Amino acid sequence: MIFEKLPDSVDATHALLKRGKFMSDQNLATMLFLSLKLGRPLLLEGRSGVGKSELGMVLARELNRPLLRLQCYEGLDASAAVYEWNYAAQMIEIRLAEQEKTGDKDALADDLFSERFLIKRPILQALEEHGGSAPVLLIDEIDRADEGFEAYLLEVLSEFQVSVPELGTIRAAERPIVVLTSNRTREIHDALKRRCIYHWLDFPDAVQEVEILTLRAPGVARQLTEGLDELVQELRQSEFRGGAGVKAAVDWAATLIELDREEMDPKHTSAGIAQILKRHQEGDATAVSNALRAGAESHREGAE
């Protein structure tokens, strides 16, 4: 596998993201460049739907490196995130040794706790060699994990090593590229933040989002792109805050392409409402309908 070299400047980092169809501003490109240059994890905080996880996936794709993704949840522990022993295989090995009645017990014990029986989870996999280059480790929604697991990460993200009592300390030959995301459902501890390059990722403004829609859904007519963006921006300012994600807007644009629409029309675009809100309630439907009408009228007045 041929790996791409890391970008050597902020402008090159910005260009790399753009090649991956990820629109970034100068601040994000700078923080990502520093993360790659210094070999420190990048912690992205922001509301759901702004593209935090997408950045990690774009990095892996554009740098042609393996992507190892760890989805965090309440109760996540080292056995699911780092490693665990294959107890079933160990028991089979013990039964076979008992039947054959051969071999040294001490040697058997050593073999049972060797790498042959070690199940490697994403974090431990990220510390391994991957054909001469480090992978991208995406630790998604760290705020959903317990504080105990967050504390466990301190050793991993500062020394890029994990301690396995039966084997000793396993260190990375080359530091993986680490991206952590948080929707800020709880505050991340300062000790973890100090180990990271931090960036708050917000929804794009109207100009940026039009560029994103044009880049990600190139078949969308310009007036439709602008009308759709007006609606999405309005929904974010209303009670639907956090529900109108960038990817959802792109999905809706793709829906409108399939419907052969060239401009915003409440009658024909209502089928795409679910792409934005990902829910349906009577009150929501009424509010969205009003927003659609307001967006269409605003667009027509602007055109006139």
Protein backbone atom coordinates (compact mmCIF):
# COMPACT_ATOMS: atom_id res chain seq x y z
CA MET A 1 0.00 0.00 0.00
CA ILE A 2 1.33 3.44 -0.94
CA PHE A 3 0.75 6.00 1.81
CA GLU A 4 0.41 9.71 1.12
CA LYS A 5 2.81 12.03 2.91
CA LEU A 6 1.46 14.31 5.60
CA PRO A 7 0.82 17.90 4.45
CA ASP A 8 3.77 20.23 5.06
CA SER A 9 1.82 23.46 5.54
CA VAL A 10 -1.55 24.86 6.57
CA ASP A 11 -2.42 25.55 2.92
CA ALA A 12 -1.54 21.97 1.98
CA THR A 13 -3.75 20.72 4.83
CA HIS A 14 -6.61 22.87 3.59
CA ALA A 15 -6.10 21.52 0.06
CA LEU A 16 -6.06 17.92 1.34
CA LEU A 17 -9.43 18.39 3.04
CA LYS A 18 -10.89 20.05 -0.04
CA ARG A 19 -9.77 17.11 -2.20
CA GLY A 20 -11.74 14.94 0.19
CA LYS A 21 -14.79 17.19 -0.32
CA PHE A 22 -14.53 18.53 3.22
CA MET A 23 -14.77 22.32 3.35
CA SER A 24 -12.72 23.82 6.17
CA ASP A 25 -11.81 27.30 7.27
CA GLN A 26 -8.31 28.53 8.06
CA ASN A 27 -8.65 27.85 11.80
CA LEU A 28 -9.57 24.18 11.34
CA ALA A 29 -6.82 23.67 8.76
CA THR A 30 -4.31 25.23 11.17
CA MET A 31 -5.35 23.06 14.13
CA LEU A 32 -5.27 19.92 12.00
CA PHE A 33 -1.84 20.80 10.63
CA LEU A 34 -0.51 21.33 14.17
CA SER A 35 -1.99 18.00 15.24
CA LEU A 36 -0.29 16.17 12.36
CA LYS A 37 2.99 18.07 12.73
CA LEU A 38 3.29 17.65 16.50
CA GLY A 39 1.89 14.11 16.61
CA ARG A 40 -0.83 15.08 19.06
CA PRO A 41 -4.49 14.01 19.01
CA LEU A 42 -7.06 16.41 17.58
CA LEU A 43 -10.13 16.92 19.77
CA LEU A 44 -13.14 18.21 17.84
CA GLU A 45 -16.11 19.46 19.83
CA GLY A 46 -19.36 20.70 18.34
CA ARG A 47 -23.02 19.96 17.86
CA SER A 48 -24.13 16.78 16.18
CA GLY A 49 -24.09 16.94 12.39
CA VAL A 50 -21.27 19.45 11.83
CA GLY A 51 -18.91 16.87 10.29
CA LYS A 52 -16.55 15.94 13.15
CA SER A 53 -16.44 12.22 12.37
CA GLU A 54 -16.33 12.93 8.65
CA LEU A 55 -13.01 14.73 9.08
CA GLY A 56 -11.38 11.59 10.48
CA MET A 57 -12.71 9.49 7.62
CA VAL A 58 -11.55 12.03 5.04
CA LEU A 59 -8.06 11.99 6.55
CA ALA A 60 -7.83 8.20 6.31
CA ARG A 61 -9.13 8.21 2.74
CA GLU A 62 -6.95 11.04 1.42
CA LEU A 63 -3.80 9.83 3.18
CA ASN A 64 -4.56 6.26 2.07
CA ARG A 65 -4.25 4.90 5.61
CA PRO A 66 -6.27 2.34 7.56
CA LEU A 67 -9.18 3.80 9.53
CA LEU A 68 -9.73 2.34 13.00
CA ARG A 69 -12.96 3.62 14.52
CA LEU A 70 -13.95 3.31 18.16
CA GLN A 71 -17.57 4.29 18.85
CA CYS A 72 -17.86 5.30 22.51
CA TYR A 73 -20.84 4.50 24.71
CA GLU A 74 -21.71 4.34 28.40
CA GLY A 75 -19.98 1.36 30.00
CA LEU A 76 -17.21 1.12 27.39
CA ASP A 77 -14.14 -0.51 28.91
CA ALA A 78 -10.70 -1.78 27.93
CA SER A 79 -11.98 -5.19 26.83
CA ALA A 80 -14.05 -3.56 24.08
CA ALA A 81 -11.70 -0.69 23.25
CA VAL A 82 -8.16 -2.02 23.79
CA TYR A 83 -7.86 -5.80 24.16
CA GLU A 84 -9.24 -8.93 25.77
CA TRP A 85 -8.13 -12.54 26.00
CA ASN A 86 -9.78 -15.20 23.85
CA TYR A 87 -11.03 -17.27 26.77
CA ALA A 88 -12.86 -19.78 24.58
CA ALA A 89 -9.69 -20.59 22.63
CA GLN A 90 -7.70 -20.76 25.85
CA MET A 91 -10.13 -23.30 27.32
CA ILE A 92 -9.88 -25.45 24.19
CA GLU A 93 -6.08 -25.35 24.46
CA ILE A 94 -6.27 -26.42 28.10
CA ARG A 95 -8.63 -29.33 27.26
CA LEU A 96 -6.35 -30.52 24.48
CA ALA A 97 -3.32 -30.41 26.79
CA GLU A 98 -5.23 -32.40 29.43
CA GLN A 99 -6.18 -35.08 26.91
CA GLU A 100 -2.68 -35.41 25.54
CA LYS A 101 -1.17 -35.25 29.03
CA THR A 102 2.01 -33.85 27.59
CA GLY A 103 3.90 -30.61 27.89
CA ASP A 104 5.15 -28.38 30.65
CA LYS A 105 2.45 -26.61 32.68
CA ASP A 106 4.52 -23.45 32.97
CA ALA A 107 5.10 -23.41 29.22
CA LEU A 108 1.38 -23.94 28.66
CA ALA A 109 0.55 -21.02 30.96
CA ASP A 110 2.97 -18.78 29.09
CA ASP A 111 1.50 -19.82 25.76
CA LEU A 112 -2.08 -19.18 26.92
CA PHE A 113 -1.21 -15.55 27.61
CA SER A 114 0.74 -14.91 24.44
CA GLU A 115 -0.30 -12.77 21.49
CA ARG A 116 -1.75 -15.90 19.87
CA PHE A 117 -4.73 -15.62 22.22
CA LEU A 118 -4.91 -11.82 22.38
CA ILE A 119 -7.93 -10.17 20.74
CA LYS A 120 -6.84 -6.70 19.67
CA ARG A 121 -9.42 -3.93 19.71
CA PRO A 122 -9.13 -0.58 17.84
CA ILE A 123 -6.78 1.19 20.28
CA LEU A 124 -4.27 -1.66 20.43
CA GLN A 125 -4.54 -2.15 16.65
CA ALA A 126 -3.68 1.54 16.21
CA LEU A 127 -0.36 1.02 18.02
CA GLU A 128 0.72 -1.75 15.66
CA GLU A 129 2.73 -1.52 12.47
CA HIS A 130 0.58 -1.02 9.37
CA GLY A 131 2.94 -1.55 6.48
CA GLY A 132 5.32 1.19 7.48
CA SER A 133 2.85 3.98 8.28
CA ALA A 134 0.51 4.84 11.12
CA PRO A 135 -3.27 4.47 10.80
CA VAL A 136 -6.00 6.98 11.61
CA LEU A 137 -7.71 6.26 14.95
CA LEU A 138 -11.14 7.87 15.23
CA ILE A 139 -12.44 7.88 18.82
CA ASP A 140 -16.02 8.94 18.24
CA GLU A 141 -18.23 10.68 20.82
CA ILE A 142 -15.83 10.42 23.76
CA ASP A 143 -18.36 12.35 25.83
CA ARG A 144 -20.63 9.27 25.82
CA ALA A 145 -18.00 7.15 27.59
CA ASP A 146 -17.60 7.06 31.36
CA GLU A 147 -15.02 9.22 33.12
CA GLY A 148 -13.14 6.04 34.06
CA PHE A 149 -12.49 5.20 30.41
CA GLU A 150 -11.55 8.80 29.73
CA ALA A 151 -8.93 8.47 32.48
CA TYR A 152 -7.66 5.25 30.89
CA LEU A 153 -7.00 7.16 27.68
CA LEU A 154 -4.51 9.46 29.39
CA GLU A 155 -1.69 6.91 29.09
CA VAL A 156 -2.68 6.03 25.55
CA LEU A 157 -2.81 9.62 24.29
CA SER A 158 0.28 10.89 26.10
CA GLU A 159 2.73 8.00 25.68
CA PHE A 160 0.95 6.10 22.88
CA GLN A 161 1.28 2.88 24.79
CA VAL A 162 -0.92 0.44 26.67
CA SER A 163 -0.04 -1.84 29.56
CA VAL A 164 -0.99 -5.52 29.27
CA PRO A 165 -0.09 -7.17 32.60
CA GLU A 166 0.63 -10.57 31.03
CA LEU A 167 2.76 -9.16 28.19
CA GLY A 168 4.13 -5.88 29.49
CA THR A 169 3.96 -2.47 27.85
CA ILE A 170 3.13 -2.25 24.16
CA ARG A 171 4.34 0.97 22.51
CA ALA A 172 3.62 2.39 19.08
CA ALA A 173 6.59 2.38 16.73
CA GLU A 174 4.95 5.37 15.00
CA ARG A 175 2.23 7.48 16.54
CA PRO A 176 -1.18 7.00 14.95
CA ILE A 177 -3.17 9.98 13.72
CA VAL A 178 -5.83 10.38 16.42
CA VAL A 179 -9.10 12.30 16.05
CA LEU A 180 -11.47 12.48 19.02
CA THR A 181 -14.99 13.87 18.70
CA SER A 182 -17.40 15.15 21.33
CA ASN A 183 -20.98 16.43 21.09
CA ARG A 184 -20.41 18.00 24.52
CA THR A 185 -23.18 16.11 26.27
CA ARG A 186 -20.81 16.39 29.24
CA GLU A 187 -17.62 18.30 29.87
CA ILE A 188 -14.40 16.53 28.92
CA HIS A 189 -11.79 16.53 31.70
CA ASP A 190 -8.98 19.07 31.41
CA ALA A 191 -6.35 16.34 31.72
CA LEU A 192 -7.52 14.81 28.45
CA LYS A 193 -7.84 18.19 26.72
CA ARG A 194 -4.24 19.06 27.65
CA ARG A 195 -3.05 16.09 25.61
CA CYS A 196 -4.92 17.26 22.52
CA ILE A 197 -5.03 20.02 19.98
CA TYR A 198 -8.51 21.48 20.52
CA HIS A 199 -10.95 22.92 17.99
CA TRP A 200 -14.62 23.84 18.21
CA LEU A 201 -16.32 22.87 14.94
CA ASP A 202 -19.52 24.80 14.24
CA PHE A 203 -22.08 24.70 11.45
CA PRO A 204 -20.88 26.46 8.30
CA ASP A 205 -22.22 29.88 7.42
CA ALA A 206 -24.45 30.37 4.39
CA VAL A 207 -21.59 30.98 1.94
CA GLN A 208 -19.63 27.95 3.12
CA GLU A 209 -22.67 25.69 3.01
CA VAL A 210 -23.51 26.66 -0.56
CA GLU A 211 -19.92 25.68 -1.44
CA ILE A 212 -20.33 22.37 0.38
CA LEU A 213 -23.60 21.56 -1.36
CA THR A 214 -22.08 22.46 -4.73
CA LEU A 215 -19.04 20.28 -4.01
CA ARG A 216 -20.89 17.28 -2.55
CA ALA A 217 -23.96 17.40 -4.79
CA PRO A 218 -22.66 18.89 -8.07
CA GLY A 219 -25.89 18.22 -9.94
CA VAL A 220 -27.90 20.70 -7.86
CA ALA A 221 -28.97 23.87 -9.67
CA ARG A 222 -27.57 27.08 -8.18
CA GLN A 223 -30.95 28.56 -7.26
CA LEU A 224 -31.97 25.28 -5.63
CA THR A 225 -28.73 25.18 -3.65
CA GLU A 226 -29.25 28.71 -2.36
CA GLY A 227 -32.91 28.07 -1.53
CA LEU A 228 -32.10 24.86 0.30
CA ASP A 229 -29.34 26.57 2.25
CA GLU A 230 -31.71 29.39 3.31
CA LEU A 231 -34.10 26.80 4.71
CA VAL A 232 -31.38 24.86 6.51
CA GLN A 233 -29.97 28.05 8.04
CA GLU A 234 -33.45 29.03 9.20
CA LEU A 235 -34.07 25.62 10.78
CA ARG A 236 -30.82 25.90 12.72
CA GLN A 237 -31.91 29.22 14.17
CA SER A 238 -35.28 27.80 15.23
CA GLU A 239 -36.23 25.06 17.68
CA PHE A 240 -34.61 22.53 15.36
CA ARG A 241 -31.13 23.65 16.46
CA GLY A 242 -28.71 20.75 16.19
CA GLY A 243 -31.04 18.73 13.97
CA ALA A 244 -30.10 20.20 10.59
CA GLY A 245 -26.70 18.61 10.01
CA VAL A 246 -24.46 19.25 7.01
CA LYS A 247 -24.69 15.65 5.82
CA ALA A 248 -28.47 15.80 6.16
CA ALA A 249 -28.52 18.88 3.92
CA VAL A 250 -26.40 17.05 1.33
CA ASP A 251 -28.74 14.05 1.51
CA TRP A 252 -31.71 16.34 0.95
CA ALA A 253 -29.99 17.92 -2.02
CA ALA A 254 -29.51 14.44 -3.49
CA THR A 255 -33.21 13.76 -2.92
CA LEU A 256 -34.16 16.93 -4.79
CA ILE A 257 -31.92 15.94 -7.70
CA GLU A 258 -33.81 12.65 -7.95
CA LEU A 259 -37.07 14.65 -7.99
CA ASP A 260 -35.69 16.76 -10.88
CA ARG A 261 -36.20 19.99 -8.97
CA GLU A 262 -34.38 23.16 -10.02
CA GLU A 263 -35.81 25.52 -7.40
CA MET A 264 -37.30 25.36 -3.94
CA ASP A 265 -40.96 24.35 -4.02
CA PRO A 266 -42.77 23.42 -0.77
CA LYS A 267 -45.15 21.10 -2.62
CA HIS A 268 -42.39 18.94 -4.08
CA THR A 269 -39.65 19.23 -1.46
CA SER A 270 -41.73 18.09 1.53
CA ALA A 271 -40.53 14.54 0.79
CA GLY A 272 -37.06 15.62 1.89
CA ILE A 273 -38.05 17.01 5.29
CA ALA A 274 -37.19 13.76 7.05
CA GLN A 275 -33.66 14.01 5.61
CA ILE A 276 -33.12 17.11 7.73
CA LEU A 277 -35.00 16.47 10.97
CA LYS A 278 -34.74 12.66 11.21
CA ARG A 279 -38.04 12.70 13.11
CA HIS A 280 -41.73 13.36 12.60
CA GLN A 281 -44.16 15.06 14.92
CA GLU A 282 -47.27 17.06 14.10
CA GLY A 283 -45.82 20.26 15.53
CA ASP A 284 -42.61 19.75 13.63
CA ALA A 285 -44.45 19.25 10.36
CA THR A 286 -46.35 22.53 10.79
CA ALA A 287 -43.20 24.47 11.65
CA VAL A 288 -41.30 23.00 8.72
CA SER A 289 -44.16 23.77 6.37
CA ASN A 290 -44.10 27.41 7.50
CA ALA A 291 -40.33 27.50 7.09
CA LEU A 292 -40.61 26.08 3.59
CA ARG A 293 -43.12 28.73 2.58
CA ALA A 294 -41.02 31.49 4.11
CA GLY A 295 -37.89 30.18 2.41
CA ALA A 296 -39.59 29.93 -0.98
CA GLU A 297 -41.10 33.42 -0.71
CA SER A 298 -37.73 34.87 0.35
CA HIS A 299 -36.03 33.22 -2.58
CA ARG A 300 -38.63 34.48 -5.07
CA GLU A 301 -38.39 38.03 -3.70
CA GLY A 302 -34.60 37.88 -4.00
CA ALA A 303 -34.84 36.67 -7.58
CA GLU A 304 -37.19 39.53 -8.48
